[in-house]
Amino acid sequence: MKKVPLPYSVCRMIALVFLPTLLLAACFQTPDETGQDEKILRIALRSEPPTLDPSLATDNVSFDLLTNLMESLTQYNDKLQPIPAVAERWEFSEDGRVIRFYLREDALWSDGRPVTAHDFEYSWKRLLNPATAAEYAYFLFDIENAAEYNSGKLRDPDKVGIRAVNDRLLEVRLKRPVVYFPSITTFMVTAPLRQDVIEQYGDHWTDPENIVTNGAFTLKQWQHEYKLLLEANPHHFEGRPALDKIRIFLVRDPTTELTLYETGELDMTQLPPIAIPRFRNHPEFLNQPMLRGYYYGFNVESPPFDRPQVRRALAHAIDRSRLPVILKGEEVPTASWIPKGMFAYNPDIGPKFNPETARRLMTSAGFAEGKSFPSFSIHYNSDPTNQLIAQFIQAQWQEHLNLKVTIEEMEWKVFLKRLQVDTPPVFRLGWGADFPDPDNFMNLFTSTSGNNHSRWANPRYDQLIATAAGEQDPVRRKNIYDEAQRLLTEEDVAIISLFVTTKSMLVKPHVKGFKLNAMELLTLKKIDLEK
């Protein structure tokens, strides 16, 4: 008997309330998309992507999709070194302050039109344009006059150090030598954009019927809160990918996602903490330490969290060593911020677990034994791991400091909006490497960073990060980052760093060519399916 899909509205309702899996599985059978000879990869996302506009994306869900829809000047090899993508080569000037990217002639958009240096100039200046309000605009602040243009001090975009010399040559003028700049150009916020498409369709330019991409796949369907469908791009410069289609379903509950994997409805799945012990020795199990830190942030303008000794007390009251036991994924507890596996990692930095010190600091702040300290909530986005951590932190602060703490769960898009508009006093966030250099982690908390939601600003910290970016000597550079990390995590305590994450997955044996990497890049163009 042929399986027939349920109506979209019914499927969406089932996906949201998680009725029995056999009924849910019926929603995953879509014969109109399935040909006998087609290779279709089936995966799931835990939340709806907030946007597919590279200039506006800020989250890993959106970037997972954009990584497969778009290509920038460079890409990473297996060793996370930048190699040619749309740019076939690049060269620095002798003083290191000018870099020229030479574009390949066979780079095409999905409609067959050539990708040009003008598409990159438009994209990068759009990212920097203050009217765009891009949180990742600071990524390009190493470019001459970029920060000034983004802040509104400079109104003429032609004075920004980004220029398409011709269709095949992009010239970038830097404020100072930046050795890691080719790594920055791997990141999706620097992908090219079609000015004509954006101007024609406005906010709807990312709709499937309008979007034009230059990656290995194109966006064929986007049924909100249910599924997306990607199709192979025959115009991709590396050749048409082996996969014909990628079917991506929204499955919010990780246990449901695991069940769908076990019943053969999905080809890969990320394991929730509770399931890791069961599958650790399974032949389909994969585990990879990530260059991804997990932290709790403060709104440092919100009393009593505007007082450093209060934030220090809260940091000293957490026993991070218990987190790997709770999460079961071989996480690496850390009180410092630069993650293990990255240059300048220093496990000796950061406030260690010391309840006596925590209580002494609270007393000095006028909150002995938690008296007079206002009740507050820990805010986090919906996820079983985030919930486990919030419950653990809640218990630690209640046990060691006698504080009244509640927890508040929010849907991902709502949570991101809350961070931007009305930052909660205490919130959870994580940061995964956009490029494998400590500047990517440390720049996050500068006063000009659009992703710094803590409202913390320290001129000395900003100066240290700017100096480290141009420092060539590795010993001096590490010493600079040590000082900056102490400011961030020990003295001012703008954040409480908790652990470096790992990722645990199950992948079906017929999926060939998939590799986990430390940057958690979901690159699908090299995957093939064995029949």
Protein backbone atom coordinates (compact mmCIF):
# COMPACT_ATOMS: atom_id res chain seq x y z
CA MET A 1 0.00 0.00 0.00
CA LYS A 2 1.44 3.38 -0.99
CA LYS A 3 1.96 5.84 1.88
CA VAL A 4 0.10 9.11 1.30
CA PRO A 5 1.16 12.32 3.07
CA LEU A 6 -1.28 14.01 5.39
CA PRO A 7 -2.30 17.60 4.57
CA TYR A 8 0.28 20.23 5.44
CA SER A 9 -1.91 21.86 8.10
CA VAL A 10 -2.47 18.52 9.83
CA CYS A 11 1.23 17.63 9.64
CA ARG A 12 2.21 20.94 11.15
CA MET A 13 -0.20 20.42 14.02
CA ILE A 14 1.18 16.91 14.61
CA ALA A 15 4.77 18.14 14.48
CA LEU A 16 4.00 20.74 17.10
CA VAL A 17 2.16 18.50 19.56
CA PHE A 18 4.08 15.25 18.86
CA LEU A 19 1.37 12.66 18.42
CA PRO A 20 2.41 9.00 18.00
CA THR A 21 5.38 8.48 15.71
CA LEU A 22 3.65 6.29 13.12
CA LEU A 23 1.21 9.13 12.50
CA LEU A 24 4.03 11.68 12.44
CA ALA A 25 6.01 9.49 10.03
CA ALA A 26 3.14 9.74 7.55
CA CYS A 27 3.92 13.44 7.29
CA PHE A 28 7.49 12.63 6.27
CA GLN A 29 6.44 10.65 3.22
CA THR A 30 6.13 13.07 0.31
CA PRO A 31 5.85 11.08 -2.93
CA ASP A 32 5.59 14.23 -5.05
CA GLU A 33 9.25 14.91 -4.17
CA THR A 34 10.51 11.34 -4.38
CA GLY A 35 11.68 9.73 -7.58
CA GLN A 36 13.02 6.16 -7.54
CA ASP A 37 16.36 7.23 -8.95
CA GLU A 38 16.75 10.42 -6.92
CA LYS A 39 19.16 10.74 -4.04
CA ILE A 40 17.33 12.58 -1.26
CA LEU A 41 18.93 13.27 2.11
CA ARG A 42 16.45 13.61 4.98
CA ILE A 43 17.45 15.68 8.00
CA ALA A 44 15.76 17.72 10.73
CA LEU A 45 16.11 21.12 12.34
CA ARG A 46 15.04 21.89 15.90
CA SER A 47 13.63 25.32 15.05
CA GLU A 48 12.47 27.48 12.18
CA PRO A 49 15.34 29.47 10.63
CA PRO A 50 14.73 33.12 11.57
CA THR A 51 16.07 34.32 8.20
CA LEU A 52 17.91 33.25 5.06
CA ASP A 53 19.26 36.73 4.42
CA PRO A 54 23.06 36.44 4.93
CA SER A 55 23.27 40.07 6.07
CA LEU A 56 20.73 39.50 8.84
CA ALA A 57 21.45 35.92 9.96
CA THR A 58 22.92 35.51 13.44
CA ASP A 59 22.10 31.95 14.50
CA ASN A 60 23.35 28.44 13.74
CA VAL A 61 20.01 27.28 12.27
CA SER A 62 20.06 29.96 9.58
CA PHE A 63 23.78 29.42 8.93
CA ASP A 64 23.31 25.65 8.56
CA LEU A 65 21.04 26.38 5.60
CA LEU A 66 23.06 29.27 4.18
CA THR A 67 26.22 27.14 4.20
CA ASN A 68 24.54 24.95 1.59
CA LEU A 69 22.80 27.71 -0.37
CA MET A 70 25.65 30.20 -0.71
CA GLU A 71 29.39 30.26 -1.40
CA SER A 72 31.72 33.05 -0.39
CA LEU A 73 35.23 33.92 -1.53
CA THR A 74 36.86 31.15 0.50
CA GLN A 75 35.92 27.88 2.18
CA TYR A 76 37.52 25.53 4.70
CA ASN A 77 39.39 22.32 4.04
CA ASP A 78 39.34 19.40 6.50
CA LYS A 79 42.04 21.12 8.58
CA LEU A 80 39.92 24.31 8.83
CA GLN A 81 42.32 26.24 6.64
CA PRO A 82 40.86 28.74 4.11
CA ILE A 83 41.09 27.54 0.52
CA PRO A 84 39.66 28.96 -2.73
CA ALA A 85 35.90 29.00 -3.33
CA VAL A 86 34.48 31.79 -5.50
CA ALA A 87 37.93 33.37 -5.35
CA GLU A 88 40.41 31.18 -7.22
CA ARG A 89 43.29 32.96 -5.46
CA TRP A 90 44.20 36.02 -3.38
CA GLU A 91 47.29 38.04 -2.61
CA PHE A 92 48.41 40.51 0.07
CA SER A 93 50.36 43.68 -0.61
CA GLU A 94 53.86 43.91 0.86
CA ASP A 95 52.67 45.90 3.87
CA GLY A 96 49.76 43.48 4.44
CA ARG A 97 47.14 46.21 4.28
CA VAL A 98 45.66 45.45 0.85
CA ILE A 99 44.29 42.09 -0.19
CA ARG A 100 43.11 41.32 -3.72
CA PHE A 101 40.69 38.47 -4.44
CA TYR A 102 40.65 37.12 -8.00
CA LEU A 103 37.29 35.51 -8.82
CA ARG A 104 36.96 32.35 -10.89
CA GLU A 105 35.29 32.64 -14.27
CA ASP A 106 32.98 29.63 -13.78
CA ALA A 107 31.27 30.94 -10.62
CA LEU A 108 27.59 31.31 -11.53
CA TRP A 109 24.34 32.17 -9.81
CA SER A 110 21.55 29.60 -9.87
CA ASP A 111 19.92 31.50 -12.74
CA GLY A 112 23.11 31.15 -14.79
CA ARG A 113 24.36 34.71 -14.41
CA PRO A 114 28.07 35.15 -13.49
CA VAL A 115 29.02 35.95 -9.89
CA THR A 116 31.07 39.16 -9.98
CA ALA A 117 33.19 41.25 -7.64
CA HIS A 118 30.38 43.83 -7.74
CA ASP A 119 28.09 41.29 -6.01
CA PHE A 120 30.59 41.08 -3.15
CA GLU A 121 31.04 44.85 -2.93
CA TYR A 122 27.27 45.30 -2.75
CA SER A 123 26.89 42.55 -0.13
CA TRP A 124 29.66 43.79 2.16
CA LYS A 125 28.55 47.41 2.02
CA ARG A 126 24.97 46.30 2.66
CA LEU A 127 26.20 44.44 5.76
CA LEU A 128 27.94 47.62 6.94
CA ASN A 129 25.10 49.99 6.05
CA PRO A 130 23.61 51.21 9.35
CA ALA A 131 20.14 50.98 7.79
CA THR A 132 20.58 47.19 7.52
CA ALA A 133 21.12 46.94 11.31
CA ALA A 134 23.26 43.83 10.83
CA GLU A 135 24.57 42.35 14.07
CA TYR A 136 27.56 40.92 12.19
CA ALA A 137 28.61 44.26 10.68
CA TYR A 138 31.56 44.35 13.08
CA PHE A 139 33.03 41.34 11.27
CA LEU A 140 34.30 43.73 8.59
CA PHE A 141 35.59 46.45 10.92
CA ASP A 142 39.19 45.60 10.04
CA ILE A 143 38.45 47.21 6.67
CA GLU A 144 39.33 50.86 6.17
CA ASN A 145 36.43 53.17 7.17
CA ALA A 146 34.06 50.22 7.74
CA ALA A 147 33.34 51.02 11.40
CA GLU A 148 32.97 54.71 10.62
CA TYR A 149 30.41 53.97 7.89
CA ASN A 150 28.50 51.54 10.10
CA SER A 151 28.33 54.05 12.98
CA GLY A 152 27.10 56.86 10.74
CA LYS A 153 30.22 59.00 11.18
CA LEU A 154 30.95 58.46 7.49
CA ARG A 155 28.06 58.61 5.04
CA ASP A 156 29.82 57.92 1.74
CA PRO A 157 30.10 54.13 1.10
CA ASP A 158 32.62 54.79 -1.67
CA LYS A 159 35.16 55.71 1.01
CA VAL A 160 34.93 52.24 2.59
CA GLY A 161 37.92 50.06 1.63
CA ILE A 162 35.90 47.64 -0.54
CA ARG A 163 36.11 48.06 -4.32
CA ALA A 164 35.26 45.93 -7.33
CA VAL A 165 38.11 46.85 -9.68
CA ASN A 166 36.36 44.87 -12.41
CA ASP A 167 34.05 41.85 -12.60
CA ARG A 168 36.84 39.47 -11.53
CA LEU A 169 38.85 41.50 -9.00
CA LEU A 170 37.79 42.57 -5.51
CA GLU A 171 40.21 44.85 -3.68
CA VAL A 172 40.03 45.22 0.10
CA ARG A 173 41.97 47.88 2.02
CA LEU A 174 42.60 47.08 5.69
CA LYS A 175 43.27 49.40 8.62
CA ARG A 176 46.19 47.19 9.63
CA PRO A 177 47.59 43.80 8.61
CA VAL A 178 45.12 41.04 9.53
CA VAL A 179 46.59 37.60 8.88
CA TYR A 180 43.30 35.75 9.39
CA PHE A 181 41.24 37.85 6.96
CA PRO A 182 40.91 35.03 4.35
CA SER A 183 39.22 32.99 7.10
CA ILE A 184 36.69 35.77 7.67
CA THR A 185 35.67 35.51 4.01
CA THR A 186 34.52 31.91 4.52
CA PHE A 187 31.66 33.11 6.68
CA MET A 188 28.18 33.39 5.19
CA VAL A 189 27.66 37.05 6.14
CA THR A 190 30.33 37.79 3.49
CA ALA A 191 28.58 35.81 0.73
CA PRO A 192 27.76 37.71 -2.48
CA LEU A 193 24.27 39.11 -2.98
CA ARG A 194 22.26 40.06 -6.05
CA GLN A 195 21.32 43.72 -5.79
CA ASP A 196 18.72 43.43 -8.55
CA VAL A 197 16.90 40.59 -6.76
CA ILE A 198 16.89 42.32 -3.37
CA GLU A 199 15.69 45.62 -4.81
CA GLN A 200 12.94 43.90 -6.81
CA TYR A 201 11.51 41.73 -4.02
CA GLY A 202 12.49 43.56 -0.83
CA ASP A 203 11.89 41.55 2.34
CA HIS A 204 10.55 38.66 0.22
CA TRP A 205 13.74 38.14 -1.79
CA THR A 206 14.51 34.94 0.21
CA ASP A 207 11.16 33.33 -0.67
CA PRO A 208 11.69 30.16 -2.76
CA GLU A 209 10.14 31.67 -5.88
CA ASN A 210 12.46 34.72 -5.69
CA ILE A 211 15.77 33.70 -4.17
CA VAL A 212 18.89 33.35 -6.32
CA THR A 213 21.83 31.49 -4.78
CA ASN A 214 25.36 30.52 -5.79
CA GLY A 215 25.92 27.50 -3.54
CA ALA A 216 25.66 23.79 -4.21
CA PHE A 217 21.89 23.84 -3.60
CA THR A 218 18.90 26.05 -4.28
CA LEU A 219 15.82 26.65 -2.15
CA LYS A 220 12.85 24.90 -3.77
CA GLN A 221 10.24 24.98 -0.96
CA TRP A 222 9.81 26.58 2.46
CA GLN A 223 6.64 25.56 4.28
CA HIS A 224 7.01 27.51 7.49
CA GLU A 225 7.02 25.56 10.75
CA TYR A 226 7.03 22.29 8.76
CA LYS A 227 9.75 21.69 6.15
CA LEU A 228 12.19 23.05 3.58
CA LEU A 229 13.34 21.44 0.36
CA LEU A 230 16.73 22.10 -1.26
CA GLU A 231 17.61 21.01 -4.79
CA ALA A 232 20.98 20.48 -6.47
CA ASN A 233 22.31 23.55 -8.29
CA PRO A 234 23.50 22.47 -11.75
CA HIS A 235 25.43 25.74 -12.12
CA HIS A 236 27.68 25.23 -9.07
CA PHE A 237 31.35 25.84 -9.93
CA GLU A 238 32.47 22.58 -8.29
CA GLY A 239 29.96 20.64 -10.35
CA ARG A 240 26.49 19.39 -9.57
CA PRO A 241 26.45 17.72 -6.11
CA ALA A 242 25.73 14.01 -5.82
CA LEU A 243 22.56 14.66 -3.81
CA ASP A 244 19.52 15.56 -5.87
CA LYS A 245 17.55 16.98 -2.97
CA ILE A 246 17.73 17.64 0.75
CA ARG A 247 14.47 17.42 2.64
CA ILE A 248 14.64 19.31 5.94
CA PHE A 249 11.90 18.90 8.52
CA LEU A 250 11.19 20.96 11.62
CA VAL A 251 11.08 18.58 14.57
CA ARG A 252 11.28 20.50 17.82
CA ASP A 253 11.41 17.51 20.15
CA PRO A 254 14.78 15.65 20.09
CA THR A 255 13.23 12.39 21.31
CA THR A 256 10.78 12.46 18.40
CA GLU A 257 13.64 13.18 16.02
CA LEU A 258 15.56 10.18 17.37
CA THR A 259 12.50 7.95 16.94
CA LEU A 260 12.13 9.10 13.34
CA TYR A 261 15.78 8.22 12.74
CA GLU A 262 15.30 4.74 14.25
CA THR A 263 12.22 4.13 12.09
CA GLY A 264 14.15 5.12 8.96
CA GLU A 265 12.45 8.47 8.29
CA LEU A 266 15.66 10.49 8.81
CA ASP A 267 19.22 9.84 7.66
CA MET A 268 20.97 11.56 10.56
CA THR A 269 20.09 12.96 13.97
CA GLN A 270 21.66 14.88 16.79
CA LEU A 271 21.38 12.97 20.06
CA PRO A 272 19.80 14.49 23.16
CA PRO A 273 21.89 14.09 26.36
CA ILE A 274 19.65 11.38 27.77
CA ALA A 275 20.25 9.13 24.73
CA ILE A 276 24.05 9.44 24.50
CA PRO A 277 24.92 6.58 26.93
CA ARG A 278 22.62 4.23 25.03
CA PHE A 279 24.30 4.88 21.67
CA ARG A 280 27.91 5.61 22.67
CA ASN A 281 29.15 2.23 21.32
CA HIS A 282 26.74 2.10 18.39
CA PRO A 283 28.42 1.78 14.94
CA GLU A 284 26.45 4.80 13.68
CA PHE A 285 27.54 7.02 16.61
CA LEU A 286 29.75 10.07 15.94
CA ASN A 287 31.16 12.46 18.55
CA GLN A 288 33.27 15.57 17.96
CA PRO A 289 34.54 18.29 20.36
CA MET A 290 33.46 21.68 19.05
CA LEU A 291 34.99 25.12 19.01
CA ARG A 292 31.80 26.24 20.69
CA GLY A 293 31.52 27.81 24.12
CA TYR A 294 28.42 27.89 26.30
CA TYR A 295 27.93 30.80 28.67
CA TYR A 296 25.52 32.72 30.87
CA GLY A 297 25.39 36.44 30.18
CA PHE A 298 24.22 39.40 32.24
CA ASN A 299 22.52 42.62 31.36
CA VAL A 300 25.09 44.68 33.24
CA GLU A 301 22.77 47.70 33.27
CA SER A 302 20.11 45.81 35.25
CA PRO A 303 20.44 46.08 39.07
CA PRO A 304 21.77 44.26 41.04
CA PHE A 305 23.65 42.64 38.12
CA ASP A 306 25.23 46.01 37.39
CA ARG A 307 27.64 45.32 40.28
CA PRO A 308 30.78 43.29 39.41
CA GLN A 309 31.02 41.68 42.85
CA VAL A 310 27.51 40.25 42.40
CA ARG A 311 28.45 38.79 39.04
CA ARG A 312 31.69 37.39 40.51
CA ALA A 313 29.74 35.77 43.34
CA LEU A 314 27.38 34.07 40.91
CA ALA A 315 30.34 32.80 38.87
CA HIS A 316 32.11 31.33 41.92
CA ALA A 317 28.90 29.55 43.02
CA ILE A 318 28.76 27.11 40.07
CA ASP A 319 30.41 23.69 40.14
CA ARG A 320 31.10 23.25 36.44
CA SER A 321 32.63 19.79 36.95
CA ARG A 322 29.12 18.36 37.31
CA LEU A 323 27.96 19.51 33.88
CA PRO A 324 29.50 16.63 31.85
CA VAL A 325 27.78 14.19 34.22
CA ILE A 326 24.44 15.88 33.63
CA LEU A 327 24.83 16.32 29.87
CA LYS A 328 26.60 13.00 29.16
CA GLY A 329 28.37 14.33 26.06
CA GLU A 330 32.00 14.66 27.19
CA GLU A 331 31.73 18.44 27.49
CA VAL A 332 34.84 20.26 28.72
CA PRO A 333 34.08 22.45 31.78
CA THR A 334 35.83 25.80 31.62
CA ALA A 335 35.79 29.14 33.41
CA SER A 336 37.83 30.80 30.63
CA TRP A 337 36.35 31.82 27.29
CA ILE A 338 38.72 30.87 24.44
CA PRO A 339 37.84 27.21 23.83
CA LYS A 340 40.08 24.19 24.12
CA GLY A 341 41.59 23.36 20.73
CA MET A 342 42.07 27.02 19.78
CA PHE A 343 45.19 29.15 20.07
CA ALA A 344 45.43 31.06 23.41
CA TYR A 345 43.25 28.58 25.33
CA ASN A 346 44.16 28.95 29.02
CA PRO A 347 42.34 26.73 31.53
CA ASP A 348 43.90 28.58 34.48
CA ILE A 349 41.88 31.72 33.76
CA GLY A 350 38.39 32.31 35.14
CA PRO A 351 36.51 32.19 38.46
CA LYS A 352 36.69 28.67 39.90
CA PHE A 353 34.03 27.02 42.05
CA ASN A 354 34.36 28.41 45.58
CA PRO A 355 31.11 28.82 47.55
CA GLU A 356 32.87 30.58 50.45
CA THR A 357 34.28 33.23 48.12
CA ALA A 358 30.85 33.55 46.50
CA ARG A 359 29.13 34.13 49.83
CA ARG A 360 31.80 36.63 50.94
CA LEU A 361 31.33 38.62 47.75
CA MET A 362 27.55 38.63 48.21
CA THR A 363 27.96 39.86 51.77
CA SER A 364 30.26 42.68 50.62
CA ALA A 365 27.59 43.64 48.10
CA GLY A 366 24.99 43.85 50.88
CA PHE A 367 23.21 40.55 50.23
CA ALA A 368 24.37 38.32 53.07
CA GLU A 369 22.68 34.89 52.89
CA GLY A 370 20.69 36.16 49.92
CA LYS A 371 18.69 38.64 52.00
CA SER A 372 17.23 41.56 50.05
CA PHE A 373 18.41 40.08 46.75
CA PRO A 374 15.49 40.35 44.31
CA SER A 375 14.09 37.21 42.72
CA PHE A 376 15.01 36.83 39.05
CA SER A 377 14.68 34.48 36.10
CA ILE A 378 17.17 32.63 33.93
CA HIS A 379 16.08 33.06 30.31
CA TYR A 380 16.90 30.42 27.70
CA ASN A 381 15.65 29.19 24.34
CA SER A 382 13.62 25.99 24.20
CA ASP A 383 15.90 22.95 24.21
CA PRO A 384 16.25 19.98 26.59
CA THR A 385 19.97 20.67 27.09
CA ASN A 386 19.34 24.32 27.91
CA GLN A 387 16.62 23.27 30.33
CA LEU A 388 18.92 20.83 32.14
CA ILE A 389 21.60 23.49 32.49
CA ALA A 390 19.13 26.14 33.68
CA GLN A 391 17.76 23.78 36.33
CA PHE A 392 21.30 22.98 37.47
CA ILE A 393 22.35 26.66 37.69
CA GLN A 394 19.10 27.49 39.44
CA ALA A 395 19.85 24.81 42.07
CA GLN A 396 23.48 25.96 42.47
CA TRP A 397 22.53 29.57 43.16
CA GLN A 398 19.76 28.57 45.52
CA GLU A 399 21.99 26.12 47.41
CA HIS A 400 25.15 28.22 47.72
CA LEU A 401 23.74 31.78 47.82
CA ASN A 402 20.14 31.29 48.99
CA LEU A 403 18.76 33.13 45.96
CA LYS A 404 15.22 32.90 44.60
CA VAL A 405 15.66 31.89 40.97
CA THR A 406 13.06 30.89 38.40
CA ILE A 407 13.61 29.74 34.81
CA GLU A 408 11.86 31.03 31.70
CA GLU A 409 11.85 29.12 28.41
CA MET A 410 11.28 30.92 25.10
CA GLU A 411 10.99 29.86 21.46
CA TRP A 412 14.22 30.56 19.54
CA LYS A 413 13.05 33.47 17.38
CA VAL A 414 11.27 35.09 20.32
CA PHE A 415 14.36 34.63 22.47
CA LEU A 416 16.62 36.29 19.87
CA LYS A 417 14.23 39.22 19.57
CA ARG A 418 14.14 39.62 23.36
CA LEU A 419 17.95 39.75 23.47
CA GLN A 420 17.97 42.51 20.88
CA VAL A 421 15.12 44.63 22.23
CA ASP A 422 14.98 44.06 25.99
CA THR A 423 17.92 41.99 27.23
CA PRO A 424 16.97 39.88 30.28
CA PRO A 425 19.08 40.28 33.45
CA VAL A 426 20.41 36.70 33.07
CA PHE A 427 20.38 34.70 29.84
CA ARG A 428 22.05 31.72 28.25
CA LEU A 429 23.91 31.80 24.95
CA GLY A 430 26.59 29.93 23.08
CA TRP A 431 29.15 30.91 20.51
CA GLY A 432 30.59 28.69 17.82
CA ALA A 433 33.65 29.61 15.80
CA ASP A 434 32.92 31.51 12.59
CA PHE A 435 36.65 31.25 11.89
CA PRO A 436 39.22 29.33 13.97
CA ASP A 437 41.05 32.24 15.59
CA PRO A 438 40.63 33.63 19.13
CA ASP A 439 39.70 37.03 17.70
CA ASN A 440 36.36 35.48 16.73
CA PHE A 441 35.59 34.65 20.36
CA MET A 442 37.09 37.71 22.01
CA ASN A 443 35.76 40.29 19.53
CA LEU A 444 32.26 39.14 20.45
CA PHE A 445 32.32 41.21 23.66
CA THR A 446 33.82 44.43 22.36
CA SER A 447 31.68 47.54 22.71
CA THR A 448 31.10 47.66 18.93
CA SER A 449 30.00 44.04 18.54
CA GLY A 450 26.40 43.60 17.43
CA ASN A 451 26.38 40.21 19.15
CA ASN A 452 27.36 41.61 22.56
CA HIS A 453 24.00 41.52 24.30
CA SER A 454 25.39 42.13 27.80
CA ARG A 455 25.68 45.93 27.26
CA TRP A 456 29.12 45.61 28.86
CA ALA A 457 31.79 47.95 27.52
CA ASN A 458 35.40 48.23 28.69
CA PRO A 459 37.79 50.50 26.73
CA ARG A 460 40.82 48.54 27.94
CA TYR A 461 39.27 45.31 26.67
CA ASP A 462 38.54 46.90 23.27
CA GLN A 463 42.12 48.11 23.03
CA LEU A 464 43.54 44.68 23.87
CA ILE A 465 41.43 42.92 21.23
CA ALA A 466 42.39 45.45 18.56
CA THR A 467 46.08 45.06 19.43
CA ALA A 468 45.95 41.25 19.43
CA ALA A 469 44.38 41.17 15.96
CA GLY A 470 47.49 42.67 14.42
CA GLU A 471 50.12 41.07 16.66
CA GLN A 472 52.43 38.73 14.74
CA ASP A 473 54.39 37.30 17.67
CA PRO A 474 52.43 34.33 19.11
CA VAL A 475 53.84 34.71 22.65
CA ARG A 476 52.92 38.38 22.89
CA ARG A 477 49.56 37.69 21.26
CA LYS A 478 48.71 34.99 23.81
CA ASN A 479 49.69 37.28 26.70
CA ILE A 480 47.33 39.95 25.35
CA TYR A 481 44.47 37.47 25.18
CA ASP A 482 45.24 36.24 28.71
CA GLU A 483 44.83 39.78 30.03
CA ALA A 484 41.64 40.29 28.03
CA GLN A 485 40.14 37.01 29.26
CA ARG A 486 40.84 37.97 32.87
CA LEU A 487 39.01 41.25 32.33
CA LEU A 488 36.05 39.47 30.73
CA THR A 489 35.65 36.49 33.07
CA GLU A 490 37.41 37.35 36.37
CA GLU A 491 37.37 41.10 36.98
CA ASP A 492 34.28 42.50 35.27
CA VAL A 493 32.59 39.09 34.77
CA ALA A 494 30.45 40.19 31.85
CA ILE A 495 29.77 36.48 31.25
CA ILE A 496 30.04 33.17 33.10
CA SER A 497 31.74 30.66 30.84
CA LEU A 498 30.50 27.14 31.58
CA PHE A 499 31.84 24.56 29.12
CA VAL A 500 33.03 23.78 25.61
CA THR A 501 30.49 21.65 23.79
CA THR A 502 30.70 18.39 21.93
CA LYS A 503 28.30 17.12 19.29
CA SER A 504 26.95 13.58 19.30
CA MET A 505 25.12 12.25 16.25
CA LEU A 506 23.84 9.13 14.58
CA VAL A 507 24.39 8.85 10.82
CA LYS A 508 23.01 6.04 8.64
CA PRO A 509 25.62 3.79 6.95
CA HIS A 510 24.32 4.67 3.48
CA VAL A 511 25.29 8.32 4.02
CA LYS A 512 28.78 8.68 2.56
CA GLY A 513 31.13 11.65 2.82
CA PHE A 514 29.62 13.33 5.89
CA LYS A 515 32.18 14.60 8.41
CA LEU A 516 31.74 16.30 11.74
CA ASN A 517 34.12 19.20 12.22
CA ALA A 518 35.11 21.36 15.17
CA MET A 519 33.30 24.39 13.75
CA GLU A 520 30.01 22.49 13.44
CA LEU A 521 29.68 23.39 9.77
CA LEU A 522 26.80 21.44 8.22
CA THR A 523 28.34 21.11 4.76
CA LEU A 524 26.28 18.72 2.64
CA LYS A 525 27.68 19.22 -0.86
CA LYS A 526 30.19 16.36 -0.50
CA ILE A 527 27.63 13.81 0.66
CA ASP A 528 26.53 10.91 -1.48
CA LEU A 529 23.93 8.23 -0.75
CA GLU A 530 24.67 4.56 -1.28
CA LYS A 531 21.69 2.74 -2.71
